[in-house]
Amino acid sequence: MSDPSKIYYFPTEARDTIRIVGSSTVYPFATVVAENFGKSTSFKTPVIESTGSGGGIKLFCAGVGTEHPDIVNASRRMKKSEFETCDKNGVKDIVEVRVGYDGIVIANAKAAPAFDVTREQLFMALAKEVPQGDKWVANPYKKWSDINPSLPNEEIEVLGPPPTSGTRDAFTELVMDAACEKLPAAKALKDAGDDKTLKQKCQSVREDGAYIEAGENDNLIVQKLGANQTAVGIFGYSFLEENADKIKGAKVDGKEPTFDNISSGAYPVSRPLQFYVKKAHIGTIPGIQEYLNEFTADKAWGPEGYLADKGLIPMPDAERAKYKEAATKLKTLTAGDL
């Protein structure tokens, strides 16, 4: 007897355009692929919505059928809990395709002074509470120079992504957690086995105006940095690349956010980019497999491809081959993969 979970019901008039949601970081890359796909095939250009990784995965996992998205872009990997939500809602067969790498950049206006910061200093600037001795206190730092005299004598004002953003998740993991866990007060919590308090102390961002959630529109952050020379912004490397005439990237732990430093792993704040495909929609919504073929072609994601020109850091050859195979053979994800 066939598995009833594998039976999907679509309206007789199926949607004829691929619908994609998700990451604002992956959005510009997916948009270029979609435009090329629309021009070079008989299929309609996919409709892409920038919702943030978390928001997009929620939409993607809500169910199977034409009212739900076909693909979700993500600037972090899907969480096990999200995979389980998908499964519970009948989204059973999911294909994961990693497309490349990206750096998370700390940037300010081109005309502003150069910014050179460590991850520990970023934590001290942005954490809701910071350690003083063996106690945690409400963040007292108003200016960057309060943290270290080598930093600008300017008020801390950071424009960054909201909690639904994969960029925020990756920044939390690669900067906030990485810096916090080295602090003696955090080590004491870890040694005491108090992981819940450790997570809360390391990941909570201050809410007193020093950190400003700028939504999922990274272009808006770029505009605001132009208007406010003392502010800094957090976003993906591709936006630095696209707006190099207006903004510049800060050194983090002594490393500049360059293409070479991100691809080699020297720049400490970098992460993989990927998308997830609903296998049940392939063959019902026209063009999904062909869109995957376009994205995973060397002319797109290869070292000399058109996405590298847009700021995507290509994967090594072996990794590209692995995900090319996943996209071609529609290899599905398991909970154990995450």
C-alpha atoms as a PDB file:
ATOM      1  CA  MET A   1       0.000   0.000   0.000  1.00  0.00           C
ATOM      2  CA  SER A   2       1.326   3.449  -0.871  1.00  0.00           C
ATOM      3  CA  ASP A   3       2.364   5.833   1.896  1.00  0.00           C
ATOM      4  CA  PRO A   4      -0.446   8.431   2.298  1.00  0.00           C
ATOM      5  CA  SER A   5       2.149  11.017   3.356  1.00  0.00           C
ATOM      6  CA  LYS A   6       3.554  10.829  -0.188  1.00  0.00           C
ATOM      7  CA  ILE A   7       0.245  11.720  -1.844  1.00  0.00           C
ATOM      8  CA  TYR A   8       0.003  15.430  -2.605  1.00  0.00           C
ATOM      9  CA  TYR A   9      -3.039  17.265  -3.859  1.00  0.00           C
ATOM     10  CA  PHE A  10      -2.649  20.248  -6.126  1.00  0.00           C
ATOM     11  CA  PRO A  11      -5.408  22.365  -7.668  1.00  0.00           C
ATOM     12  CA  THR A  12      -6.118  21.493 -11.300  1.00  0.00           C
ATOM     13  CA  GLU A  13      -4.792  24.925 -12.299  1.00  0.00           C
ATOM     14  CA  ALA A  14      -1.289  24.694 -10.847  1.00  0.00           C
ATOM     15  CA  ARG A  15       0.900  27.758 -10.448  1.00  0.00           C
ATOM     16  CA  ASP A  16       3.164  28.229 -13.486  1.00  0.00           C
ATOM     17  CA  THR A  17       5.843  30.367 -11.806  1.00  0.00           C
ATOM     18  CA  ILE A  18       8.421  29.204  -9.270  1.00  0.00           C
ATOM     19  CA  ARG A  19       7.992  30.943  -5.916  1.00  0.00           C
ATOM     20  CA  ILE A  20      11.074  31.514  -3.752  1.00  0.00           C
ATOM     21  CA  VAL A  21      11.298  33.100  -0.290  1.00  0.00           C
ATOM     22  CA  GLY A  22      14.032  33.569   2.319  1.00  0.00           C
ATOM     23  CA  SER A  23      17.396  35.146   2.977  1.00  0.00           C
ATOM     24  CA  SER A  24      18.111  38.773   2.097  1.00  0.00           C
ATOM     25  CA  THR A  25      21.780  37.773   1.634  1.00  0.00           C
ATOM     26  CA  VAL A  26      21.035  35.040  -0.904  1.00  0.00           C
ATOM     27  CA  TYR A  27      18.354  37.205  -2.565  1.00  0.00           C
ATOM     28  CA  PRO A  28      20.660  39.135  -4.966  1.00  0.00           C
ATOM     29  CA  PHE A  29      22.352  35.913  -6.121  1.00  0.00           C
ATOM     30  CA  ALA A  30      19.053  34.079  -6.615  1.00  0.00           C
ATOM     31  CA  THR A  31      17.660  37.116  -8.465  1.00  0.00           C
ATOM     32  CA  VAL A  32      20.506  37.067 -11.012  1.00  0.00           C
ATOM     33  CA  VAL A  33      20.065  33.322 -11.529  1.00  0.00           C
ATOM     34  CA  ALA A  34      16.287  33.773 -11.898  1.00  0.00           C
ATOM     35  CA  GLU A  35      16.732  36.550 -14.489  1.00  0.00           C
ATOM     36  CA  ASN A  36      19.186  34.486 -16.542  1.00  0.00           C
ATOM     37  CA  PHE A  37      16.898  31.460 -16.229  1.00  0.00           C
ATOM     38  CA  GLY A  38      13.902  33.516 -17.428  1.00  0.00           C
ATOM     39  CA  LYS A  39      15.847  34.829 -20.440  1.00  0.00           C
ATOM     40  CA  SER A  40      17.479  31.562 -21.504  1.00  0.00           C
ATOM     41  CA  THR A  41      14.558  29.124 -21.090  1.00  0.00           C
ATOM     42  CA  SER A  42      10.878  28.962 -21.985  1.00  0.00           C
ATOM     43  CA  PHE A  43       9.918  29.147 -18.277  1.00  0.00           C
ATOM     44  CA  LYS A  44       8.706  32.242 -16.475  1.00  0.00           C
ATOM     45  CA  THR A  45      11.167  34.165 -14.314  1.00  0.00           C
ATOM     46  CA  PRO A  46      10.781  32.949 -10.701  1.00  0.00           C
ATOM     47  CA  VAL A  47       9.211  35.301  -8.165  1.00  0.00           C
ATOM     48  CA  ILE A  48      11.579  35.883  -5.228  1.00  0.00           C
ATOM     49  CA  GLU A  49      10.640  37.466  -1.908  1.00  0.00           C
ATOM     50  CA  SER A  50      13.197  38.602   0.689  1.00  0.00           C
ATOM     51  CA  THR A  51      11.720  37.471   4.021  1.00  0.00           C
ATOM     52  CA  GLY A  52      14.847  36.571   5.994  1.00  0.00           C
ATOM     53  CA  SER A  53      16.031  32.983   6.450  1.00  0.00           C
ATOM     54  CA  GLY A  54      13.915  32.221   9.520  1.00  0.00           C
ATOM     55  CA  GLY A  55      10.767  33.775   8.093  1.00  0.00           C
ATOM     56  CA  GLY A  56      11.289  32.028   4.764  1.00  0.00           C
ATOM     57  CA  ILE A  57      11.821  28.598   6.322  1.00  0.00           C
ATOM     58  CA  LYS A  58       8.623  29.063   8.325  1.00  0.00           C
ATOM     59  CA  LEU A  59       6.683  29.754   5.097  1.00  0.00           C
ATOM     60  CA  PHE A  60       8.425  26.889   3.289  1.00  0.00           C
ATOM     61  CA  CYS A  61       7.671  24.402   6.080  1.00  0.00           C
ATOM     62  CA  ALA A  62       3.996  25.358   6.384  1.00  0.00           C
ATOM     63  CA  GLY A  63       2.893  22.731   3.859  1.00  0.00           C
ATOM     64  CA  VAL A  64       2.839  21.246   0.365  1.00  0.00           C
ATOM     65  CA  GLY A  65       0.740  22.710  -2.462  1.00  0.00           C
ATOM     66  CA  THR A  66       0.662  25.715  -4.754  1.00  0.00           C
ATOM     67  CA  GLU A  67      -0.118  28.174  -1.928  1.00  0.00           C
ATOM     68  CA  HIS A  68       3.287  27.356  -0.359  1.00  0.00           C
ATOM     69  CA  PRO A  69       6.773  28.336  -1.650  1.00  0.00           C
ATOM     70  CA  ASP A  70       8.807  25.898  -3.720  1.00  0.00           C
ATOM     71  CA  ILE A  71      12.265  27.003  -2.586  1.00  0.00           C
ATOM     72  CA  VAL A  72      13.676  28.839   0.430  1.00  0.00           C
ATOM     73  CA  ASN A  73      17.020  30.663   0.386  1.00  0.00           C
ATOM     74  CA  ALA A  74      18.969  30.574   3.665  1.00  0.00           C
ATOM     75  CA  SER A  75      22.134  32.229   4.937  1.00  0.00           C
ATOM     76  CA  ARG A  76      22.375  29.568   7.635  1.00  0.00           C
ATOM     77  CA  ARG A  77      21.569  25.869   7.605  1.00  0.00           C
ATOM     78  CA  MET A  78      18.077  24.722   8.447  1.00  0.00           C
ATOM     79  CA  LYS A  79      17.738  23.876  12.155  1.00  0.00           C
ATOM     80  CA  LYS A  80      16.725  20.407  13.246  1.00  0.00           C
ATOM     81  CA  SER A  81      13.595  21.887  14.875  1.00  0.00           C
ATOM     82  CA  GLU A  82      12.641  23.518  11.530  1.00  0.00           C
ATOM     83  CA  PHE A  83      13.191  20.238   9.701  1.00  0.00           C
ATOM     84  CA  GLU A  84      10.865  18.556  12.210  1.00  0.00           C
ATOM     85  CA  THR A  85       8.229  21.285  11.657  1.00  0.00           C
ATOM     86  CA  CYS A  86       8.461  20.677   7.910  1.00  0.00           C
ATOM     87  CA  ASP A  87       8.025  16.947   8.469  1.00  0.00           C
ATOM     88  CA  LYS A  88       5.032  17.466  10.775  1.00  0.00           C
ATOM     89  CA  ASN A  89       3.364  19.643   8.105  1.00  0.00           C
ATOM     90  CA  GLY A  90       3.837  17.055   5.357  1.00  0.00           C
ATOM     91  CA  VAL A  91       6.953  18.602   3.785  1.00  0.00           C
ATOM     92  CA  LYS A  92       8.749  15.267   3.698  1.00  0.00           C
ATOM     93  CA  ASP A  93      11.394  15.351   0.975  1.00  0.00           C
ATOM     94  CA  ILE A  94      13.710  18.364   1.088  1.00  0.00           C
ATOM     95  CA  VAL A  95      16.780  18.852  -1.101  1.00  0.00           C
ATOM     96  CA  GLU A  96      19.605  20.986   0.312  1.00  0.00           C
ATOM     97  CA  VAL A  97      21.877  22.819  -2.149  1.00  0.00           C
ATOM     98  CA  ARG A  98      24.790  24.825  -0.786  1.00  0.00           C
ATOM     99  CA  VAL A  99      25.746  27.537  -3.284  1.00  0.00           C
ATOM    100  CA  GLY A 100      28.858  29.201  -1.846  1.00  0.00           C
ATOM    101  CA  TYR A 101      30.160  31.273   1.025  1.00  0.00           C
ATOM    102  CA  ASP A 102      29.692  34.790   2.310  1.00  0.00           C
ATOM    103  CA  GLY A 103      31.353  36.968   4.923  1.00  0.00           C
ATOM    104  CA  ILE A 104      29.439  39.001   7.465  1.00  0.00           C
ATOM    105  CA  VAL A 105      30.837  42.485   7.244  1.00  0.00           C
ATOM    106  CA  ILE A 106      31.085  45.285   9.796  1.00  0.00           C
ATOM    107  CA  ALA A 107      31.070  48.416   7.644  1.00  0.00           C
ATOM    108  CA  ASN A 108      30.865  52.176   7.825  1.00  0.00           C
ATOM    109  CA  ALA A 109      30.673  55.109   5.425  1.00  0.00           C
ATOM    110  CA  LYS A 110      33.506  55.522   2.930  1.00  0.00           C
ATOM    111  CA  ALA A 111      34.340  58.976   4.334  1.00  0.00           C
ATOM    112  CA  ALA A 112      34.310  57.810   7.985  1.00  0.00           C
ATOM    113  CA  PRO A 113      37.502  56.769   9.813  1.00  0.00           C
ATOM    114  CA  ALA A 114      38.708  53.192   9.269  1.00  0.00           C
ATOM    115  CA  PHE A 115      37.298  50.733  11.780  1.00  0.00           C
ATOM    116  CA  ASP A 116      39.452  47.954  13.258  1.00  0.00           C
ATOM    117  CA  VAL A 117      37.743  45.816  15.867  1.00  0.00           C
ATOM    118  CA  THR A 118      37.956  42.424  17.571  1.00  0.00           C
ATOM    119  CA  ARG A 119      35.082  40.034  18.114  1.00  0.00           C
ATOM    120  CA  GLU A 120      35.423  40.520  21.867  1.00  0.00           C
ATOM    121  CA  GLN A 121      35.058  44.305  21.411  1.00  0.00           C
ATOM    122  CA  LEU A 122      31.961  43.744  19.268  1.00  0.00           C
ATOM    123  CA  PHE A 123      30.499  41.559  21.991  1.00  0.00           C
ATOM    124  CA  MET A 124      31.225  44.231  24.616  1.00  0.00           C
ATOM    125  CA  ALA A 125      29.554  46.846  22.396  1.00  0.00           C
ATOM    126  CA  LEU A 126      26.404  44.854  21.648  1.00  0.00           C
ATOM    127  CA  ALA A 127      25.685  42.452  24.509  1.00  0.00           C
ATOM    128  CA  LYS A 128      22.737  43.235  26.762  1.00  0.00           C
ATOM    129  CA  GLU A 129      24.869  42.358  29.779  1.00  0.00           C
ATOM    130  CA  VAL A 130      28.657  42.244  30.125  1.00  0.00           C
ATOM    131  CA  PRO A 131      30.833  40.728  32.853  1.00  0.00           C
ATOM    132  CA  GLN A 132      32.464  42.921  35.460  1.00  0.00           C
ATOM    133  CA  GLY A 133      34.542  40.716  37.699  1.00  0.00           C
ATOM    134  CA  ASP A 134      32.442  37.645  38.399  1.00  0.00           C
ATOM    135  CA  LYS A 135      29.125  39.466  37.916  1.00  0.00           C
ATOM    136  CA  TRP A 136      27.072  40.308  34.828  1.00  0.00           C
ATOM    137  CA  VAL A 137      25.852  43.923  34.634  1.00  0.00           C
ATOM    138  CA  ALA A 138      23.683  45.924  32.213  1.00  0.00           C
ATOM    139  CA  ASN A 139      25.930  47.076  29.366  1.00  0.00           C
ATOM    140  CA  PRO A 140      27.473  50.367  30.565  1.00  0.00           C
ATOM    141  CA  TYR A 141      29.366  51.235  27.364  1.00  0.00           C
ATOM    142  CA  LYS A 142      28.086  54.304  25.533  1.00  0.00           C
ATOM    143  CA  LYS A 143      31.039  54.989  23.233  1.00  0.00           C
ATOM    144  CA  TRP A 144      33.380  52.652  21.379  1.00  0.00           C
ATOM    145  CA  SER A 145      36.307  54.315  23.190  1.00  0.00           C
ATOM    146  CA  ASP A 146      34.755  53.258  26.536  1.00  0.00           C
ATOM    147  CA  ILE A 147      35.595  49.679  25.535  1.00  0.00           C
ATOM    148  CA  ASN A 148      39.098  50.448  24.277  1.00  0.00           C
ATOM    149  CA  PRO A 149      40.763  53.870  23.787  1.00  0.00           C
ATOM    150  CA  SER A 150      42.012  52.705  20.367  1.00  0.00           C
ATOM    151  CA  LEU A 151      38.400  52.640  19.117  1.00  0.00           C
ATOM    152  CA  PRO A 152      36.584  55.788  17.867  1.00  0.00           C
ATOM    153  CA  ASN A 153      35.393  58.335  20.414  1.00  0.00           C
ATOM    154  CA  GLU A 154      31.879  57.958  19.006  1.00  0.00           C
ATOM    155  CA  GLU A 155      28.597  56.677  20.383  1.00  0.00           C
ATOM    156  CA  ILE A 156      27.940  53.014  19.708  1.00  0.00           C
ATOM    157  CA  GLU A 157      25.313  52.861  16.974  1.00  0.00           C
ATOM    158  CA  VAL A 158      25.057  49.616  15.054  1.00  0.00           C
ATOM    159  CA  LEU A 159      22.483  48.989  12.311  1.00  0.00           C
ATOM    160  CA  GLY A 160      21.873  45.300  11.927  1.00  0.00           C
ATOM    161  CA  PRO A 161      19.473  42.514  10.997  1.00  0.00           C
ATOM    162  CA  PRO A 162      16.453  41.355  13.041  1.00  0.00           C
ATOM    163  CA  PRO A 163      16.171  37.961  14.785  1.00  0.00           C
ATOM    164  CA  THR A 164      14.424  36.406  11.736  1.00  0.00           C
ATOM    165  CA  SER A 165      17.561  36.956   9.646  1.00  0.00           C
ATOM    166  CA  GLY A 166      20.122  34.249   8.904  1.00  0.00           C
ATOM    167  CA  THR A 167      22.740  37.005   9.026  1.00  0.00           C
ATOM    168  CA  ARG A 168      21.727  37.716  12.636  1.00  0.00           C
ATOM    169  CA  ASP A 169      21.903  33.989  13.489  1.00  0.00           C
ATOM    170  CA  ALA A 170      25.347  33.670  11.934  1.00  0.00           C
ATOM    171  CA  PHE A 171      26.597  36.896  13.586  1.00  0.00           C
ATOM    172  CA  THR A 172      25.360  35.574  16.943  1.00  0.00           C
ATOM    173  CA  GLU A 173      27.209  32.290  16.465  1.00  0.00           C
ATOM    174  CA  LEU A 174      30.414  33.588  14.861  1.00  0.00           C
ATOM    175  CA  VAL A 175      30.863  36.800  16.856  1.00  0.00           C
ATOM    176  CA  MET A 176      28.759  36.921  20.020  1.00  0.00           C
ATOM    177  CA  ASP A 177      29.098  33.245  21.067  1.00  0.00           C
ATOM    178  CA  ALA A 178      32.714  32.941  19.892  1.00  0.00           C
ATOM    179  CA  ALA A 179      33.806  36.014  21.894  1.00  0.00           C
ATOM    180  CA  CYS A 180      31.620  35.398  24.935  1.00  0.00           C
ATOM    181  CA  GLU A 181      32.723  31.822  25.515  1.00  0.00           C
ATOM    182  CA  LYS A 182      36.324  32.971  26.026  1.00  0.00           C
ATOM    183  CA  LEU A 183      35.360  35.241  28.930  1.00  0.00           C
ATOM    184  CA  PRO A 184      36.060  33.916  32.455  1.00  0.00           C
ATOM    185  CA  ALA A 185      32.500  34.743  33.607  1.00  0.00           C
ATOM    186  CA  ALA A 186      31.089  32.695  30.714  1.00  0.00           C
ATOM    187  CA  LYS A 187      33.499  29.820  31.367  1.00  0.00           C
ATOM    188  CA  ALA A 188      32.271  29.748  34.975  1.00  0.00           C
ATOM    189  CA  LEU A 189      28.676  29.275  33.750  1.00  0.00           C
ATOM    190  CA  LYS A 190      29.802  26.538  31.365  1.00  0.00           C
ATOM    191  CA  ASP A 191      31.750  24.748  34.114  1.00  0.00           C
ATOM    192  CA  ALA A 192      28.663  24.951  36.340  1.00  0.00           C
ATOM    193  CA  GLY A 193      26.622  23.287  33.563  1.00  0.00           C
ATOM    194  CA  ASP A 194      24.291  26.285  33.335  1.00  0.00           C
ATOM    195  CA  ASP A 195      23.948  26.242  29.554  1.00  0.00           C
ATOM    196  CA  LYS A 196      20.629  28.086  29.573  1.00  0.00           C
ATOM    197  CA  THR A 197      22.075  31.136  31.368  1.00  0.00           C
ATOM    198  CA  LEU A 198      25.244  30.942  29.253  1.00  0.00           C
ATOM    199  CA  LYS A 199      23.203  31.095  26.042  1.00  0.00           C
ATOM    200  CA  GLN A 200      21.092  33.978  27.345  1.00  0.00           C
ATOM    201  CA  LYS A 201      24.157  36.009  28.425  1.00  0.00           C
ATOM    202  CA  CYS A 202      26.103  35.345  25.236  1.00  0.00           C
ATOM    203  CA  GLN A 203      23.286  35.871  22.728  1.00  0.00           C
ATOM    204  CA  SER A 204      21.123  38.682  24.161  1.00  0.00           C
ATOM    205  CA  VAL A 205      21.611  41.964  22.313  1.00  0.00           C
ATOM    206  CA  ARG A 206      21.143  45.285  24.073  1.00  0.00           C
ATOM    207  CA  GLU A 207      17.821  47.104  23.619  1.00  0.00           C
ATOM    208  CA  ASP A 208      18.800  50.638  24.669  1.00  0.00           C
ATOM    209  CA  GLY A 209      19.199  52.077  21.169  1.00  0.00           C
ATOM    210  CA  ALA A 210      22.854  51.136  20.566  1.00  0.00           C
ATOM    211  CA  TYR A 211      21.733  48.274  18.307  1.00  0.00           C
ATOM    212  CA  ILE A 212      19.080  49.220  15.770  1.00  0.00           C
ATOM    213  CA  GLU A 213      17.204  46.517  13.887  1.00  0.00           C
ATOM    214  CA  ALA A 214      17.146  47.694  10.290  1.00  0.00           C
ATOM    215  CA  GLY A 215      14.808  45.058   8.863  1.00  0.00           C
ATOM    216  CA  GLU A 216      15.607  42.606   6.089  1.00  0.00           C
ATOM    217  CA  ASN A 217      16.568  45.313   3.589  1.00  0.00           C
ATOM    218  CA  ASP A 218      20.368  45.496   3.577  1.00  0.00           C
ATOM    219  CA  ASN A 219      20.273  48.322   1.006  1.00  0.00           C
ATOM    220  CA  LEU A 220      18.511  50.423   3.641  1.00  0.00           C
ATOM    221  CA  ILE A 221      21.463  49.932   6.016  1.00  0.00           C
ATOM    222  CA  VAL A 222      23.832  51.086   3.268  1.00  0.00           C
ATOM    223  CA  GLN A 223      21.751  54.245   2.758  1.00  0.00           C
ATOM    224  CA  LYS A 224      21.649  54.966   6.497  1.00  0.00           C
ATOM    225  CA  LEU A 225      25.417  54.618   6.809  1.00  0.00           C
ATOM    226  CA  GLY A 226      25.791  57.253   4.107  1.00  0.00           C
ATOM    227  CA  ALA A 227      23.563  59.600   6.108  1.00  0.00           C
ATOM    228  CA  ASN A 228      25.205  58.846   9.480  1.00  0.00           C
ATOM    229  CA  GLN A 229      29.001  58.838   9.341  1.00  0.00           C
ATOM    230  CA  THR A 230      29.407  57.557  12.933  1.00  0.00           C
ATOM    231  CA  ALA A 231      27.180  54.474  12.583  1.00  0.00           C
ATOM    232  CA  VAL A 232      28.342  51.017  11.548  1.00  0.00           C
ATOM    233  CA  GLY A 233      26.288  48.318   9.839  1.00  0.00           C
ATOM    234  CA  ILE A 234      26.209  44.517   9.737  1.00  0.00           C
ATOM    235  CA  PHE A 235      25.411  42.705   6.473  1.00  0.00           C
ATOM    236  CA  GLY A 236      26.689  40.226   3.906  1.00  0.00           C
ATOM    237  CA  TYR A 237      29.930  40.752   1.966  1.00  0.00           C
ATOM    238  CA  SER A 238      28.060  40.961  -1.344  1.00  0.00           C
ATOM    239  CA  PHE A 239      26.493  44.265  -0.245  1.00  0.00           C
ATOM    240  CA  LEU A 240      29.955  45.651   0.543  1.00  0.00           C
ATOM    241  CA  GLU A 241      31.088  44.546  -2.909  1.00  0.00           C
ATOM    242  CA  GLU A 242      28.068  46.161  -4.582  1.00  0.00           C
ATOM    243  CA  ASN A 243      28.409  49.431  -2.643  1.00  0.00           C
ATOM    244  CA  ALA A 244      32.193  49.809  -2.461  1.00  0.00           C
ATOM    245  CA  ASP A 245      31.828  53.414  -3.644  1.00  0.00           C
ATOM    246  CA  LYS A 246      29.760  54.285  -0.534  1.00  0.00           C
ATOM    247  CA  ILE A 247      30.996  52.053   2.317  1.00  0.00           C
ATOM    248  CA  LYS A 248      34.084  50.196   3.496  1.00  0.00           C
ATOM    249  CA  GLY A 249      34.554  47.050   5.556  1.00  0.00           C
ATOM    250  CA  ALA A 250      36.208  46.962   8.976  1.00  0.00           C
ATOM    251  CA  LYS A 251      39.018  44.639   9.944  1.00  0.00           C
ATOM    252  CA  VAL A 252      37.802  41.986  12.373  1.00  0.00           C
ATOM    253  CA  ASP A 253      40.493  40.309  14.486  1.00  0.00           C
ATOM    254  CA  GLY A 254      43.025  41.978  12.203  1.00  0.00           C
ATOM    255  CA  LYS A 255      41.636  40.517   8.969  1.00  0.00           C
ATOM    256  CA  GLU A 256      40.007  42.514   6.168  1.00  0.00           C
ATOM    257  CA  PRO A 257      36.745  41.229   4.650  1.00  0.00           C
ATOM    258  CA  THR A 258      38.139  40.477   1.192  1.00  0.00           C
ATOM    259  CA  PHE A 259      37.160  37.799  -1.318  1.00  0.00           C
ATOM    260  CA  ASP A 260      40.460  35.960  -0.744  1.00  0.00           C
ATOM    261  CA  ASN A 261      40.306  36.158   3.064  1.00  0.00           C
ATOM    262  CA  ILE A 262      36.739  34.804   3.119  1.00  0.00           C
ATOM    263  CA  SER A 263      37.429  31.986   0.638  1.00  0.00           C
ATOM    264  CA  SER A 264      40.562  30.914   2.548  1.00  0.00           C
ATOM    265  CA  GLY A 265      38.808  31.062   5.923  1.00  0.00           C
ATOM    266  CA  ALA A 266      41.234  33.720   7.232  1.00  0.00           C
ATOM    267  CA  TYR A 267      38.414  36.208   7.813  1.00  0.00           C
ATOM    268  CA  PRO A 268      36.709  34.915  10.977  1.00  0.00           C
ATOM    269  CA  VAL A 269      33.100  35.927  10.265  1.00  0.00           C
ATOM    270  CA  SER A 270      32.075  33.836   7.250  1.00  0.00           C
ATOM    271  CA  ARG A 271      29.271  31.307   6.661  1.00  0.00           C
ATOM    272  CA  PRO A 272      27.809  29.017   3.977  1.00  0.00           C
ATOM    273  CA  LEU A 273      24.815  30.024   1.847  1.00  0.00           C
ATOM    274  CA  GLN A 274      22.236  27.522   0.617  1.00  0.00           C
ATOM    275  CA  PHE A 275      18.703  26.921  -0.536  1.00  0.00           C
ATOM    276  CA  TYR A 276      16.158  24.178   0.132  1.00  0.00           C
ATOM    277  CA  VAL A 277      13.817  22.693  -2.451  1.00  0.00           C
ATOM    278  CA  LYS A 278      10.455  21.001  -1.920  1.00  0.00           C
ATOM    279  CA  LYS A 279      10.811  17.786  -3.928  1.00  0.00           C
ATOM    280  CA  ALA A 280       7.029  17.272  -3.996  1.00  0.00           C
ATOM    281  CA  HIS A 281       6.669  20.427  -6.130  1.00  0.00           C
ATOM    282  CA  ILE A 282       9.121  19.272  -8.828  1.00  0.00           C
ATOM    283  CA  GLY A 283       7.137  18.156 -11.865  1.00  0.00           C
ATOM    284  CA  THR A 284       4.069  20.095 -10.715  1.00  0.00           C
ATOM    285  CA  ILE A 285       5.437  23.637 -10.718  1.00  0.00           C
ATOM    286  CA  PRO A 286       7.196  23.972 -14.084  1.00  0.00           C
ATOM    287  CA  GLY A 287      10.921  24.704 -14.282  1.00  0.00           C
ATOM    288  CA  ILE A 288      12.178  23.851 -10.791  1.00  0.00           C
ATOM    289  CA  GLN A 289      14.714  21.237 -11.950  1.00  0.00           C
ATOM    290  CA  GLU A 290      15.844  23.544 -14.756  1.00  0.00           C
ATOM    291  CA  TYR A 291      16.294  26.395 -12.250  1.00  0.00           C
ATOM    292  CA  LEU A 292      18.486  24.098 -10.119  1.00  0.00           C
ATOM    293  CA  ASN A 293      20.505  23.261 -13.227  1.00  0.00           C
ATOM    294  CA  GLU A 294      21.035  26.975 -13.940  1.00  0.00           C
ATOM    295  CA  PHE A 295      22.129  27.757 -10.360  1.00  0.00           C
ATOM    296  CA  THR A 296      24.562  24.812 -10.190  1.00  0.00           C
ATOM    297  CA  ALA A 297      26.158  25.390 -13.598  1.00  0.00           C
ATOM    298  CA  ASP A 298      29.825  26.471 -13.562  1.00  0.00           C
ATOM    299  CA  LYS A 299      28.854  29.571 -15.561  1.00  0.00           C
ATOM    300  CA  ALA A 300      26.818  30.636 -12.496  1.00  0.00           C
ATOM    301  CA  TRP A 301      28.457  29.435  -9.276  1.00  0.00           C
ATOM    302  CA  GLY A 302      31.934  28.501 -10.551  1.00  0.00           C
ATOM    303  CA  PRO A 303      35.151  30.449  -9.776  1.00  0.00           C
ATOM    304  CA  GLU A 304      34.717  32.420 -13.029  1.00  0.00           C
ATOM    305  CA  GLY A 305      30.919  32.433 -12.880  1.00  0.00           C
ATOM    306  CA  TYR A 306      28.567  35.382 -12.959  1.00  0.00           C
ATOM    307  CA  LEU A 307      27.732  34.987  -9.234  1.00  0.00           C
ATOM    308  CA  ALA A 308      31.384  35.470  -8.250  1.00  0.00           C
ATOM    309  CA  ASP A 309      31.149  38.830 -10.049  1.00  0.00           C
ATOM    310  CA  LYS A 310      28.294  39.665  -7.657  1.00  0.00           C
ATOM    311  CA  GLY A 311      30.322  38.815  -4.551  1.00  0.00           C
ATOM    312  CA  LEU A 312      29.524  35.126  -3.978  1.00  0.00           C
ATOM    313  CA  ILE A 313      32.576  33.220  -2.690  1.00  0.00           C
ATOM    314  CA  PRO A 314      32.649  29.990  -4.734  1.00  0.00           C
ATOM    315  CA  MET A 315      32.969  26.606  -3.028  1.00  0.00           C
ATOM    316  CA  PRO A 316      35.998  24.354  -3.644  1.00  0.00           C
ATOM    317  CA  ASP A 317      35.608  21.976  -6.607  1.00  0.00           C
ATOM    318  CA  ALA A 318      34.818  18.891  -4.484  1.00  0.00           C
ATOM    319  CA  GLU A 319      32.105  20.713  -2.537  1.00  0.00           C
ATOM    320  CA  ARG A 320      30.548  22.053  -5.743  1.00  0.00           C
ATOM    321  CA  ALA A 321      30.517  18.528  -7.170  1.00  0.00           C
ATOM    322  CA  LYS A 322      28.765  17.226  -4.025  1.00  0.00           C
ATOM    323  CA  TYR A 323      25.962  19.790  -4.176  1.00  0.00           C
ATOM    324  CA  LYS A 324      25.692  19.592  -7.969  1.00  0.00           C
ATOM    325  CA  GLU A 325      24.941  15.893  -7.479  1.00  0.00           C
ATOM    326  CA  ALA A 326      22.389  16.712  -4.747  1.00  0.00           C
ATOM    327  CA  ALA A 327      20.623  19.127  -7.126  1.00  0.00           C
ATOM    328  CA  THR A 328      20.732  16.744 -10.109  1.00  0.00           C
ATOM    329  CA  LYS A 329      19.770  13.536  -8.316  1.00  0.00           C
ATOM    330  CA  LEU A 330      17.471  15.342  -5.831  1.00  0.00           C
ATOM    331  CA  LYS A 331      19.124  13.806  -2.782  1.00  0.00           C
ATOM    332  CA  THR A 332      16.933  14.441   0.222  1.00  0.00           C
ATOM    333  CA  LEU A 333      17.982  15.711   3.607  1.00  0.00           C
ATOM    334  CA  THR A 334      17.634  13.684   6.810  1.00  0.00           C
ATOM    335  CA  ALA A 335      17.450  14.956  10.388  1.00  0.00           C
ATOM    336  CA  GLY A 336      20.859  13.318  10.950  1.00  0.00           C
ATOM    337  CA  ASP A 337      22.409  15.621   8.325  1.00  0.00           C
ATOM    338  CA  LEU A 338      21.628  18.711  10.418  1.00  0.00           C
END
